[in-house]
Amino acid sequence: MNFYIVIPAHNEASFIGKTLESLVNQTVLPKQVVVVNDNSTDDTQHIIEYFTKHEWISLLNIRSSDSHLPGSKIINAFYKGFETLDDNYDVICKFDADLIFPKNYLEQLAFHFKSDPKLGMASGFCYIENNGEWVLENLTRKDHIRGALKAYRKSCFLEIGKLKPSMGWDTVDELLAKYYGWNITTDESLYVKHLKPTGKSYNKTAKYLQGEAMYKMRYGFTITLISALKLAYKKGNLTLFNDYISGYFKAKKNNTERLVTKEQGQFIRKLRWKDMLKRV
């Protein structure tokens, strides 16, 4: 299978070399990798340039805002890289610049995609270092694919309307994939080292965006309330609950544009209730 990979990177000099080295050592090599160096002020560009000795790795330098807002910044950078690629991919990946992949990562993803023609998205699991041990980065349920390591079958990627430049993009993509009848797989045997924990570099203005995303995905208040409480608990900071709820009501007051249609929203709410009741 033809794997094309886009890696947005902003000041990732401490990590990007390890990420690219792990891709160079894959048992099944990607056909193209483009690293989008987004306004870095450290040595990120020079490290990427070293890896462009591999003809299938390329560098794209862009200049966007210094602000690290989850969603829009990283997806806009993704699209800058995506636009440089041709159309001959079977699987398109959006990977973070702070990951170390096991050598068989792409080989195993290819196996899953070939085994199930209705498989739209697949991934392994992110692990973070904690007191010298690598432990599961347990911010979400295990059947959710983390935004750090998304891989989409081409037809699924196109049918869901590609990626949304908004907080919540890495949840709404799965919900829409399910809406259109695609399957999603997470492979517990694929341990991916996540070198920089999620959200570490988000700025203070990002704190309301999670609640705003829940509004945009048409969760409704009750599901938002439950989801906000659960996420704040998992992050070990219950004060975030107030931020999420405030973000939801701010988006509602401003009549913020939604990410999904009313029909898709009905499907999403029904799916969310079904998932929650199953876990209860």
Protein backbone atom coordinates (compact mmCIF):
# COMPACT_ATOMS: atom_id res chain seq x y z
CA MET A 1 0.00 0.00 0.00
CA ASN A 2 1.12 3.55 -0.68
CA PHE A 3 1.44 5.40 2.62
CA TYR A 4 1.73 9.18 2.40
CA ILE A 5 2.56 10.97 5.66
CA VAL A 6 2.28 14.64 6.61
CA ILE A 7 4.03 15.76 9.81
CA PRO A 8 3.37 19.31 11.07
CA ALA A 9 6.29 20.50 13.23
CA HIS A 10 6.79 23.61 15.35
CA ASN A 11 9.96 23.82 17.47
CA GLU A 12 10.38 20.04 17.60
CA ALA A 13 14.20 19.90 17.46
CA SER A 14 14.29 17.64 20.51
CA PHE A 15 12.03 15.04 18.90
CA ILE A 16 11.66 15.24 15.11
CA GLY A 17 14.92 13.38 14.42
CA LYS A 18 13.73 10.40 16.44
CA THR A 19 10.39 10.42 14.65
CA LEU A 20 11.96 10.45 11.19
CA GLU A 21 14.55 7.83 12.18
CA SER A 22 11.74 5.49 13.23
CA LEU A 23 10.05 6.00 9.84
CA VAL A 24 13.29 5.41 7.95
CA ASN A 25 13.60 2.07 9.77
CA GLN A 26 10.11 0.80 8.93
CA THR A 27 9.80 -2.70 7.48
CA VAL A 28 7.34 -1.18 4.99
CA LEU A 29 8.55 2.26 3.97
CA PRO A 30 6.16 5.13 3.24
CA LYS A 31 6.09 6.36 -0.35
CA GLN A 32 6.19 10.01 0.64
CA VAL A 33 6.74 11.96 3.85
CA VAL A 34 6.47 15.74 3.96
CA VAL A 35 7.43 17.55 7.15
CA VAL A 36 5.85 20.99 7.46
CA ASN A 37 8.17 23.22 9.47
CA ASP A 38 5.76 25.79 10.84
CA ASN A 39 7.62 28.91 11.94
CA SER A 40 10.15 27.07 14.12
CA THR A 41 12.83 29.12 15.86
CA ASP A 42 14.99 26.22 16.99
CA ASP A 43 17.01 23.68 14.97
CA THR A 44 13.96 21.84 13.58
CA GLN A 45 14.63 22.83 9.95
CA HIS A 46 18.25 21.64 9.93
CA ILE A 47 17.33 18.28 11.43
CA ILE A 48 14.63 17.73 8.81
CA GLU A 49 17.05 18.77 6.05
CA TYR A 50 19.41 15.98 7.13
CA PHE A 51 16.68 13.41 6.51
CA THR A 52 15.82 14.73 3.06
CA LYS A 53 18.77 12.65 1.82
CA HIS A 54 16.01 10.04 1.55
CA GLU A 55 14.26 11.00 -1.67
CA TRP A 56 10.83 10.20 -0.23
CA ILE A 57 11.22 12.73 2.63
CA SER A 58 10.68 16.41 1.87
CA LEU A 59 10.64 19.66 3.85
CA LEU A 60 8.15 22.50 3.52
CA ASN A 61 8.78 25.72 5.44
CA ILE A 62 5.76 27.88 6.27
CA ARG A 63 5.12 30.85 8.55
CA SER A 64 1.93 30.92 10.61
CA SER A 65 1.12 32.26 14.06
CA ASP A 66 3.40 31.43 16.98
CA SER A 67 0.31 30.63 19.05
CA HIS A 68 -0.17 26.91 19.62
CA LEU A 69 -3.95 26.57 19.43
CA PRO A 70 -5.12 22.98 19.17
CA GLY A 71 -6.95 22.16 15.97
CA SER A 72 -6.69 25.01 13.53
CA LYS A 73 -2.91 25.59 13.56
CA ILE A 74 -1.90 21.97 13.17
CA ILE A 75 -4.55 21.13 10.56
CA ASN A 76 -3.78 24.23 8.50
CA ALA A 77 -0.14 23.13 8.52
CA PHE A 78 -1.24 19.62 7.54
CA TYR A 79 -3.07 21.00 4.51
CA LYS A 80 -0.02 22.98 3.40
CA GLY A 81 1.90 19.70 3.28
CA PHE A 82 -0.99 17.71 1.81
CA GLU A 83 -1.24 20.15 -1.10
CA THR A 84 2.32 19.29 -2.16
CA LEU A 85 1.49 15.60 -2.57
CA ASP A 86 0.13 13.81 -5.62
CA ASP A 87 -3.03 11.72 -5.60
CA ASN A 88 -1.44 8.26 -5.69
CA TYR A 89 -1.87 7.37 -2.02
CA ASP A 90 -3.84 4.50 -0.54
CA VAL A 91 -3.49 5.71 3.06
CA ILE A 92 -2.90 9.28 4.20
CA CYS A 93 -1.41 9.83 7.67
CA LYS A 94 -1.23 12.87 9.90
CA PHE A 95 1.52 12.16 12.43
CA ASP A 96 2.91 14.35 15.18
CA ALA A 97 6.60 15.27 15.22
CA ASP A 98 7.29 13.74 18.65
CA LEU A 99 6.61 10.03 18.10
CA ILE A 100 8.79 6.92 17.90
CA PHE A 101 7.11 4.18 15.87
CA PRO A 102 7.87 0.46 16.20
CA LYS A 103 9.58 -0.94 13.09
CA ASN A 104 6.52 -2.88 11.95
CA TYR A 105 4.07 0.00 12.40
CA LEU A 106 3.20 0.67 8.75
CA GLU A 107 3.43 -3.02 7.88
CA GLN A 108 0.82 -3.84 10.52
CA LEU A 109 -1.44 -0.97 9.43
CA ALA A 110 -1.23 -2.24 5.86
CA PHE A 111 -2.25 -5.69 7.08
CA HIS A 112 -5.34 -4.25 8.77
CA PHE A 113 -6.36 -2.15 5.78
CA LYS A 114 -5.92 -5.07 3.38
CA SER A 115 -7.83 -7.44 5.67
CA ASP A 116 -10.92 -5.23 5.94
CA PRO A 117 -12.05 -3.24 2.88
CA LYS A 118 -14.41 -1.23 5.11
CA LEU A 119 -11.64 -0.20 7.49
CA GLY A 120 -11.46 3.58 7.26
CA MET A 121 -9.01 4.43 10.05
CA ALA A 122 -6.36 2.55 12.04
CA SER A 123 -3.63 3.19 14.60
CA GLY A 124 -1.57 1.88 17.48
CA PHE A 125 -1.44 3.27 21.02
CA CYS A 126 0.49 6.22 22.48
CA TYR A 127 2.71 5.60 25.50
CA ILE A 128 4.39 8.29 27.61
CA GLU A 129 7.37 8.02 29.95
CA ASN A 130 6.48 8.10 33.63
CA ASN A 131 9.18 7.57 36.26
CA GLY A 132 11.36 5.68 33.82
CA GLU A 133 8.56 3.45 32.53
CA TRP A 134 6.47 3.72 29.37
CA VAL A 135 2.77 3.77 30.28
CA LEU A 136 -0.39 4.16 28.22
CA GLU A 137 -1.32 7.83 27.69
CA ASN A 138 -4.80 7.19 28.98
CA LEU A 139 -6.71 10.38 28.11
CA THR A 140 -9.39 8.71 26.01
CA ARG A 141 -11.07 5.34 25.57
CA LYS A 142 -9.00 2.62 23.89
CA ASP A 143 -11.11 2.47 20.73
CA HIS A 144 -10.36 6.12 19.94
CA ILE A 145 -7.49 6.97 17.60
CA ARG A 146 -5.34 9.72 19.04
CA GLY A 147 -4.83 12.87 16.99
CA ALA A 148 -1.09 12.28 17.15
CA LEU A 149 -1.17 9.26 14.84
CA LYS A 150 -4.08 9.31 12.42
CA ALA A 151 -4.11 7.03 9.35
CA TYR A 152 -7.01 7.14 6.87
CA ARG A 153 -7.95 5.00 3.89
CA LYS A 154 -8.17 7.39 0.95
CA SER A 155 -11.87 6.84 0.23
CA CYS A 156 -12.77 7.32 3.90
CA PHE A 157 -10.63 10.46 4.13
CA LEU A 158 -12.44 11.97 1.16
CA GLU A 159 -15.93 10.91 2.25
CA ILE A 160 -15.65 12.52 5.69
CA GLY A 161 -14.61 15.77 4.04
CA LYS A 162 -10.95 15.39 5.03
CA LEU A 163 -9.89 17.11 8.28
CA LYS A 164 -11.62 20.02 10.02
CA PRO A 165 -9.33 22.93 11.06
CA SER A 166 -10.90 23.11 14.51
CA MET A 167 -10.51 21.76 18.02
CA GLY A 168 -12.30 18.41 17.97
CA TRP A 169 -11.06 17.48 14.49
CA ASP A 170 -9.66 14.20 15.84
CA THR A 171 -13.03 13.20 17.28
CA VAL A 172 -15.39 14.38 14.56
CA ASP A 173 -13.37 12.48 11.94
CA GLU A 174 -14.15 9.18 13.67
CA LEU A 175 -17.79 10.08 14.25
CA LEU A 176 -18.25 10.94 10.58
CA ALA A 177 -16.41 7.80 9.52
CA LYS A 178 -18.92 5.77 11.54
CA TYR A 179 -21.78 7.83 10.10
CA TYR A 180 -20.69 6.77 6.61
CA GLY A 181 -20.32 3.12 7.65
CA TRP A 182 -16.54 2.83 8.02
CA ASN A 183 -14.83 0.66 10.62
CA ILE A 184 -12.09 1.89 12.97
CA THR A 185 -9.29 -0.24 14.44
CA THR A 186 -6.80 0.37 17.23
CA ASP A 187 -4.05 -2.24 17.52
CA GLU A 188 -2.87 -2.76 21.10
CA SER A 189 0.28 -4.54 19.88
CA LEU A 190 1.60 -1.33 18.30
CA TYR A 191 3.35 0.66 21.05
CA VAL A 192 4.17 4.21 19.92
CA LYS A 193 6.33 6.32 22.21
CA HIS A 194 4.85 9.80 22.60
CA LEU A 195 7.75 11.99 23.66
CA LYS A 196 5.79 15.13 24.53
CA PRO A 197 2.49 14.61 26.39
CA THR A 198 -0.65 15.92 24.71
CA GLY A 199 -1.46 19.57 25.36
CA LYS A 200 1.87 20.42 26.96
CA SER A 201 2.44 23.45 24.73
CA TYR A 202 -1.15 24.70 24.39
CA ASN A 203 -1.52 28.33 25.44
CA LYS A 204 -4.04 29.66 27.95
CA THR A 205 -6.53 30.84 25.32
CA ALA A 206 -7.06 27.22 24.29
CA LYS A 207 -8.79 26.19 27.51
CA TYR A 208 -12.33 26.96 26.30
CA LEU A 209 -11.94 25.27 22.92
CA GLN A 210 -12.79 21.76 24.13
CA GLY A 211 -16.27 22.89 25.16
CA GLU A 212 -16.62 24.84 21.95
CA ALA A 213 -15.80 21.68 20.01
CA MET A 214 -18.53 19.77 21.83
CA TYR A 215 -21.01 22.44 20.75
CA LYS A 216 -19.72 22.30 17.17
CA MET A 217 -20.18 18.51 17.09
CA ARG A 218 -23.81 18.95 18.25
CA TYR A 219 -23.37 16.94 21.45
CA GLY A 220 -26.11 18.83 23.24
CA PHE A 221 -25.78 20.01 26.83
CA THR A 222 -26.24 16.71 28.69
CA ILE A 223 -23.61 14.80 26.69
CA THR A 224 -21.29 17.81 26.92
CA LEU A 225 -21.74 17.88 30.70
CA ILE A 226 -20.84 14.20 31.05
CA SER A 227 -17.96 14.37 28.53
CA ALA A 228 -16.49 17.52 30.12
CA LEU A 229 -16.54 16.00 33.61
CA LYS A 230 -14.94 12.77 32.37
CA LEU A 231 -12.18 14.57 30.44
CA ALA A 232 -11.36 16.92 33.32
CA TYR A 233 -11.15 13.92 35.66
CA LYS A 234 -8.83 12.03 33.30
CA LYS A 235 -6.57 15.07 33.05
CA GLY A 236 -6.50 15.27 36.84
CA ASN A 237 -7.75 18.86 36.89
CA LEU A 238 -11.43 19.33 37.69
CA THR A 239 -11.18 23.11 37.25
CA LEU A 240 -11.01 22.35 33.51
CA PHE A 241 -14.64 21.25 33.76
CA ASN A 242 -15.71 24.89 34.24
CA ASP A 243 -13.59 25.94 31.26
CA TYR A 244 -15.17 23.29 29.02
CA ILE A 245 -18.73 24.22 30.03
CA SER A 246 -17.94 27.93 29.62
CA GLY A 247 -16.58 27.22 26.15
CA TYR A 248 -19.76 25.35 25.24
CA PHE A 249 -22.03 28.21 26.30
CA LYS A 250 -19.81 30.85 24.67
CA ALA A 251 -20.05 28.97 21.38
CA LYS A 252 -23.82 28.65 21.78
CA LYS A 253 -24.21 32.36 22.57
CA ASN A 254 -22.13 33.30 19.53
CA ASN A 255 -24.03 30.84 17.32
CA THR A 256 -20.67 29.35 16.30
CA GLU A 257 -20.63 27.43 13.02
CA ARG A 258 -21.10 23.69 13.48
CA LEU A 259 -18.78 20.96 12.19
CA VAL A 260 -21.60 18.57 11.27
CA THR A 261 -25.10 18.72 9.79
CA LYS A 262 -28.26 18.28 11.89
CA GLU A 263 -28.66 14.74 10.58
CA GLN A 264 -25.05 13.90 11.42
CA GLY A 265 -25.56 15.49 14.85
CA GLN A 266 -28.53 13.21 15.55
CA PHE A 267 -26.40 10.20 14.64
CA ILE A 268 -23.55 11.43 16.85
CA ARG A 269 -25.79 11.97 19.89
CA LYS A 270 -27.38 8.54 19.47
CA LEU A 271 -23.92 6.96 19.13
CA ARG A 272 -22.60 8.80 22.18
CA TRP A 273 -25.54 7.70 24.34
CA LYS A 274 -25.14 4.13 23.15
CA ASP A 275 -21.42 4.15 24.04
CA MET A 276 -22.02 5.69 27.46
CA LEU A 277 -24.82 3.29 28.37
CA LYS A 278 -22.66 0.35 27.27
CA ARG A 279 -19.92 1.44 29.66
CA VAL A 280 -22.38 1.91 32.52
